[in-house]
Amino acid sequence: MEGKLSLFGRLVAVDTVEALRTTPEVPFELSVTLDMIPDRIQDDLLCLDGVEAVSTSDGVLRVGCADASAKADVITHLDDTEAAILDVRTGEPSLEQVFMETAVEVPRA
């Protein structure tokens, strides 16, 4: 399946949907449910290569990762903490998110 992104009627990207979703500008989200949120975990995770954002809410840690290796590093790091990992979910960016991250304003002629 081929996806196309356009801005103001100008084509700015053509590729498969999967390839568009893996552009470097668009992070993957990793949601990890823990039995407890360790102190300083947000700061620790932000020090890992490829981790772009970290937030917590109701025992769920949400991490924006630049690529698959960053997701693996996050899980490895969390496994080394005192917290028990209860659930892990990964999310691919929607085409809307891809568009918002990759679209550049093209000057009108």
N, C-alpha and C. Protein backbone atom coordinates (compact mmCIF):
# COMPACT_ATOMS: atom_id res chain seq x y z
N MET A 1 0.84 -1.17 0.00
CA MET A 1 0.00 0.00 0.00
C MET A 1 0.89 1.23 0.00
N GLU A 2 0.62 2.14 -0.89
CA GLU A 2 1.43 3.34 -1.00
C GLU A 2 0.71 4.50 -0.32
N GLY A 3 1.46 5.28 0.45
CA GLY A 3 0.91 6.46 1.08
C GLY A 3 1.51 7.70 0.46
N LYS A 4 0.71 8.75 0.41
CA LYS A 4 1.17 10.02 -0.14
C LYS A 4 0.83 11.11 0.85
N LEU A 5 1.77 12.00 1.08
CA LEU A 5 1.53 13.15 1.92
C LEU A 5 1.69 14.40 1.08
N SER A 6 0.74 15.31 1.21
CA SER A 6 0.85 16.55 0.46
C SER A 6 0.53 17.72 1.38
N LEU A 7 1.04 18.86 1.03
CA LEU A 7 0.84 20.09 1.77
C LEU A 7 0.53 21.18 0.77
N PHE A 8 -0.59 21.84 0.96
CA PHE A 8 -1.03 22.89 0.04
C PHE A 8 -1.03 22.41 -1.40
N GLY A 9 -1.44 21.16 -1.61
CA GLY A 9 -1.54 20.63 -2.96
C GLY A 9 -0.22 20.18 -3.55
N ARG A 10 0.88 20.31 -2.82
CA ARG A 10 2.18 19.85 -3.32
C ARG A 10 2.56 18.56 -2.63
N LEU A 11 2.96 17.59 -3.42
CA LEU A 11 3.37 16.30 -2.89
C LEU A 11 4.70 16.45 -2.16
N VAL A 12 4.74 16.03 -0.89
CA VAL A 12 5.98 16.16 -0.13
C VAL A 12 6.58 14.81 0.25
N ALA A 13 5.80 13.73 0.11
CA ALA A 13 6.34 12.40 0.42
C ALA A 13 5.51 11.33 -0.27
N VAL A 14 6.19 10.36 -0.85
CA VAL A 14 5.53 9.20 -1.45
C VAL A 14 6.33 7.98 -1.03
N ASP A 15 5.65 7.03 -0.39
CA ASP A 15 6.31 5.80 0.03
C ASP A 15 5.24 4.86 0.54
N THR A 16 5.66 3.69 0.98
CA THR A 16 4.69 2.80 1.60
C THR A 16 4.30 3.38 2.95
N VAL A 17 3.13 3.00 3.44
CA VAL A 17 2.68 3.48 4.75
C VAL A 17 3.70 3.09 5.82
N GLU A 18 4.20 1.87 5.75
CA GLU A 18 5.18 1.40 6.74
C GLU A 18 6.45 2.25 6.71
N ALA A 19 6.93 2.57 5.51
CA ALA A 19 8.15 3.38 5.40
C ALA A 19 7.91 4.80 5.90
N LEU A 20 6.75 5.37 5.59
CA LEU A 20 6.45 6.71 6.08
C LEU A 20 6.41 6.74 7.60
N ARG A 21 5.90 5.67 8.20
CA ARG A 21 5.81 5.62 9.66
C ARG A 21 7.18 5.49 10.32
N THR A 22 8.17 5.03 9.59
CA THR A 22 9.50 4.84 10.19
C THR A 22 10.46 5.97 9.86
N THR A 23 9.94 7.09 9.40
CA THR A 23 10.82 8.23 9.16
C THR A 23 11.41 8.68 10.48
N PRO A 24 12.65 9.14 10.49
CA PRO A 24 13.32 9.48 11.74
C PRO A 24 12.63 10.57 12.55
N GLU A 25 11.84 11.41 11.90
CA GLU A 25 11.20 12.51 12.61
C GLU A 25 10.03 12.06 13.47
N VAL A 26 9.54 10.84 13.27
CA VAL A 26 8.33 10.38 13.94
C VAL A 26 8.67 9.30 14.96
N PRO A 27 8.54 9.62 16.26
CA PRO A 27 8.89 8.63 17.27
C PRO A 27 7.81 7.56 17.44
N PHE A 28 8.24 6.38 17.87
CA PHE A 28 7.33 5.31 18.25
C PHE A 28 7.01 5.49 19.73
N GLU A 29 5.80 5.12 20.14
CA GLU A 29 5.47 5.20 21.56
C GLU A 29 5.51 3.82 22.18
N LEU A 30 6.14 3.75 23.32
CA LEU A 30 6.22 2.54 24.11
C LEU A 30 5.49 2.82 25.41
N SER A 31 4.47 2.03 25.74
CA SER A 31 3.73 2.17 26.99
C SER A 31 4.03 0.96 27.86
N VAL A 32 4.56 1.22 29.04
CA VAL A 32 4.94 0.14 29.95
C VAL A 32 4.19 0.33 31.26
N THR A 33 3.41 -0.69 31.65
CA THR A 33 2.72 -0.65 32.94
C THR A 33 3.63 -1.31 33.97
N LEU A 34 3.88 -0.57 35.04
CA LEU A 34 4.76 -1.03 36.10
C LEU A 34 3.98 -1.15 37.41
N ASP A 35 4.46 -1.98 38.33
CA ASP A 35 3.79 -2.06 39.63
C ASP A 35 4.07 -0.82 40.47
N MET A 36 5.12 -0.11 40.14
CA MET A 36 5.48 1.15 40.80
C MET A 36 6.40 1.93 39.86
N ILE A 37 6.38 3.24 39.99
CA ILE A 37 7.25 4.08 39.16
C ILE A 37 8.50 4.41 39.99
N PRO A 38 9.66 3.90 39.60
CA PRO A 38 10.89 4.18 40.35
C PRO A 38 11.25 5.67 40.34
N ASP A 39 11.86 6.11 41.43
CA ASP A 39 12.34 7.50 41.49
C ASP A 39 13.33 7.75 40.37
N ARG A 40 13.30 8.92 39.80
CA ARG A 40 14.23 9.39 38.77
C ARG A 40 14.18 8.59 37.47
N ILE A 41 13.17 7.74 37.28
CA ILE A 41 13.14 6.92 36.08
C ILE A 41 13.02 7.77 34.82
N GLN A 42 12.27 8.88 34.90
CA GLN A 42 12.15 9.73 33.72
C GLN A 42 13.50 10.29 33.31
N ASP A 43 14.25 10.81 34.27
CA ASP A 43 15.58 11.35 33.97
C ASP A 43 16.52 10.27 33.45
N ASP A 44 16.46 9.09 34.08
CA ASP A 44 17.33 7.98 33.65
C ASP A 44 17.04 7.57 32.21
N LEU A 45 15.75 7.45 31.87
CA LEU A 45 15.39 7.03 30.52
C LEU A 45 15.74 8.08 29.48
N LEU A 46 15.60 9.35 29.83
CA LEU A 46 15.94 10.42 28.88
C LEU A 46 17.43 10.45 28.55
N CYS A 47 18.25 9.82 29.37
CA CYS A 47 19.69 9.74 29.10
C CYS A 47 20.03 8.64 28.08
N LEU A 48 19.08 7.76 27.79
CA LEU A 48 19.33 6.68 26.83
C LEU A 48 19.27 7.22 25.41
N ASP A 49 20.15 6.72 24.55
CA ASP A 49 20.13 7.12 23.13
C ASP A 49 18.80 6.74 22.51
N GLY A 50 18.22 7.67 21.77
CA GLY A 50 16.99 7.40 21.05
C GLY A 50 15.72 7.63 21.84
N VAL A 51 15.82 7.95 23.13
CA VAL A 51 14.64 8.26 23.92
C VAL A 51 14.39 9.76 23.81
N GLU A 52 13.20 10.11 23.32
CA GLU A 52 12.90 11.51 23.04
C GLU A 52 11.95 12.15 24.04
N ALA A 53 11.11 11.36 24.70
CA ALA A 53 10.15 11.90 25.65
C ALA A 53 9.74 10.81 26.62
N VAL A 54 9.45 11.22 27.87
CA VAL A 54 9.00 10.27 28.88
C VAL A 54 7.92 10.95 29.72
N SER A 55 6.82 10.24 29.95
CA SER A 55 5.78 10.74 30.84
C SER A 55 5.20 9.57 31.62
N THR A 56 4.59 9.87 32.77
CA THR A 56 3.97 8.83 33.58
C THR A 56 2.56 9.26 33.96
N SER A 57 1.69 8.25 34.07
CA SER A 57 0.32 8.50 34.50
C SER A 57 -0.30 7.18 34.93
N ASP A 58 -0.80 7.14 36.16
CA ASP A 58 -1.50 5.96 36.69
C ASP A 58 -0.70 4.66 36.53
N GLY A 59 0.57 4.69 36.85
CA GLY A 59 1.39 3.49 36.78
C GLY A 59 1.84 3.10 35.39
N VAL A 60 1.53 3.94 34.40
CA VAL A 60 1.94 3.66 33.02
C VAL A 60 3.02 4.66 32.62
N LEU A 61 4.10 4.13 32.13
CA LEU A 61 5.22 4.93 31.65
C LEU A 61 5.12 4.99 30.14
N ARG A 62 5.06 6.19 29.57
CA ARG A 62 5.00 6.35 28.12
C ARG A 62 6.32 6.95 27.66
N VAL A 63 6.93 6.26 26.69
CA VAL A 63 8.25 6.67 26.23
C VAL A 63 8.23 6.83 24.72
N GLY A 64 8.63 7.99 24.24
CA GLY A 64 8.78 8.23 22.81
C GLY A 64 10.16 7.79 22.39
N CYS A 65 10.22 6.83 21.48
CA CYS A 65 11.50 6.25 21.05
C CYS A 65 11.74 6.52 19.56
N ALA A 66 12.96 6.86 19.22
CA ALA A 66 13.32 7.15 17.83
C ALA A 66 13.34 5.90 16.97
N ASP A 67 13.65 4.75 17.56
CA ASP A 67 13.77 3.53 16.77
C ASP A 67 13.61 2.30 17.65
N ALA A 68 13.63 1.13 17.03
CA ALA A 68 13.43 -0.13 17.76
C ALA A 68 14.52 -0.39 18.78
N SER A 69 15.75 -0.01 18.49
CA SER A 69 16.81 -0.27 19.46
C SER A 69 16.60 0.54 20.73
N ALA A 70 16.04 1.74 20.61
CA ALA A 70 15.75 2.54 21.79
C ALA A 70 14.68 1.86 22.64
N LYS A 71 13.68 1.27 21.98
CA LYS A 71 12.64 0.55 22.73
C LYS A 71 13.25 -0.60 23.51
N ALA A 72 14.15 -1.34 22.89
CA ALA A 72 14.81 -2.46 23.56
C ALA A 72 15.64 -1.97 24.74
N ASP A 73 16.33 -0.85 24.57
CA ASP A 73 17.14 -0.29 25.66
C ASP A 73 16.27 0.13 26.84
N VAL A 74 15.09 0.68 26.55
CA VAL A 74 14.17 1.09 27.62
C VAL A 74 13.73 -0.13 28.42
N ILE A 75 13.33 -1.18 27.73
CA ILE A 75 12.88 -2.40 28.42
C ILE A 75 14.01 -3.00 29.24
N THR A 76 15.21 -3.05 28.69
CA THR A 76 16.37 -3.58 29.43
C THR A 76 16.62 -2.75 30.68
N HIS A 77 16.57 -1.43 30.55
CA HIS A 77 16.80 -0.55 31.69
C HIS A 77 15.73 -0.76 32.76
N LEU A 78 14.47 -0.83 32.34
CA LEU A 78 13.38 -1.03 33.30
C LEU A 78 13.49 -2.38 34.00
N ASP A 79 13.94 -3.38 33.28
CA ASP A 79 14.10 -4.71 33.85
C ASP A 79 15.15 -4.72 34.96
N ASP A 80 16.10 -3.79 34.89
CA ASP A 80 17.16 -3.70 35.90
C ASP A 80 16.75 -2.88 37.12
N THR A 81 15.52 -2.32 37.13
CA THR A 81 15.06 -1.54 38.29
C THR A 81 14.30 -2.45 39.24
N GLU A 82 13.87 -1.87 40.37
CA GLU A 82 13.10 -2.65 41.35
C GLU A 82 11.64 -2.81 40.94
N ALA A 83 11.21 -2.14 39.91
CA ALA A 83 9.81 -2.22 39.46
C ALA A 83 9.58 -3.49 38.64
N ALA A 84 8.39 -4.05 38.80
CA ALA A 84 8.00 -5.21 38.00
C ALA A 84 7.24 -4.72 36.77
N ILE A 85 7.62 -5.23 35.61
CA ILE A 85 6.94 -4.88 34.36
C ILE A 85 5.69 -5.75 34.26
N LEU A 86 4.52 -5.10 34.21
CA LEU A 86 3.25 -5.83 34.15
C LEU A 86 2.72 -5.95 32.73
N ASP A 87 3.01 -4.97 31.88
CA ASP A 87 2.50 -4.98 30.51
C ASP A 87 3.36 -4.06 29.66
N VAL A 88 3.52 -4.43 28.40
CA VAL A 88 4.26 -3.60 27.44
C VAL A 88 3.42 -3.50 26.17
N ARG A 89 3.23 -2.29 25.70
CA ARG A 89 2.51 -2.06 24.44
C ARG A 89 3.32 -1.09 23.59
N THR A 90 3.34 -1.36 22.31
CA THR A 90 4.01 -0.44 21.40
C THR A 90 2.98 0.13 20.45
N GLY A 91 3.22 1.34 20.04
CA GLY A 91 2.30 1.98 19.11
C GLY A 91 3.06 2.59 17.96
N GLU A 92 2.52 2.38 16.76
CA GLU A 92 3.09 3.04 15.59
C GLU A 92 2.39 4.38 15.42
N PRO A 93 3.09 5.34 14.89
CA PRO A 93 2.45 6.64 14.66
C PRO A 93 1.37 6.53 13.59
N SER A 94 0.33 7.32 13.75
CA SER A 94 -0.71 7.37 12.72
C SER A 94 -0.19 8.17 11.53
N LEU A 95 -0.87 8.05 10.40
CA LEU A 95 -0.46 8.84 9.23
C LEU A 95 -0.60 10.33 9.52
N GLU A 96 -1.56 10.71 10.36
CA GLU A 96 -1.70 12.12 10.74
C GLU A 96 -0.46 12.59 11.49
N GLN A 97 0.03 11.76 12.43
CA GLN A 97 1.25 12.13 13.16
C GLN A 97 2.44 12.23 12.21
N VAL A 98 2.54 11.29 11.27
CA VAL A 98 3.62 11.33 10.28
C VAL A 98 3.54 12.64 9.50
N PHE A 99 2.35 12.99 9.06
CA PHE A 99 2.17 14.22 8.29
C PHE A 99 2.60 15.43 9.12
N MET A 100 2.13 15.50 10.36
CA MET A 100 2.44 16.67 11.19
C MET A 100 3.94 16.79 11.47
N GLU A 101 4.64 15.66 11.55
CA GLU A 101 6.07 15.70 11.84
C GLU A 101 6.93 15.91 10.60
N THR A 102 6.45 15.48 9.45
CA THR A 102 7.30 15.53 8.26
C THR A 102 6.95 16.65 7.29
N ALA A 103 5.75 17.18 7.40
CA ALA A 103 5.34 18.23 6.45
C ALA A 103 6.14 19.50 6.71
N VAL A 104 6.59 20.08 5.66
CA VAL A 104 7.30 21.36 5.73
C VAL A 104 6.52 22.37 4.92
N GLU A 105 6.53 23.58 5.36
CA GLU A 105 5.80 24.60 4.63
C GLU A 105 6.53 24.92 3.34
N VAL A 106 5.82 24.83 2.25
CA VAL A 106 6.38 25.09 0.93
C VAL A 106 5.92 26.48 0.51
N PRO A 107 6.87 27.38 0.20
CA PRO A 107 6.47 28.73 -0.21
C PRO A 107 5.61 28.67 -1.48
N ARG A 108 4.59 29.49 -1.49
CA ARG A 108 3.74 29.56 -2.68
C ARG A 108 4.45 30.35 -3.76
N ALA A 109 4.29 29.88 -4.97
CA ALA A 109 4.95 30.54 -6.11
C ALA A 109 4.22 31.80 -6.52
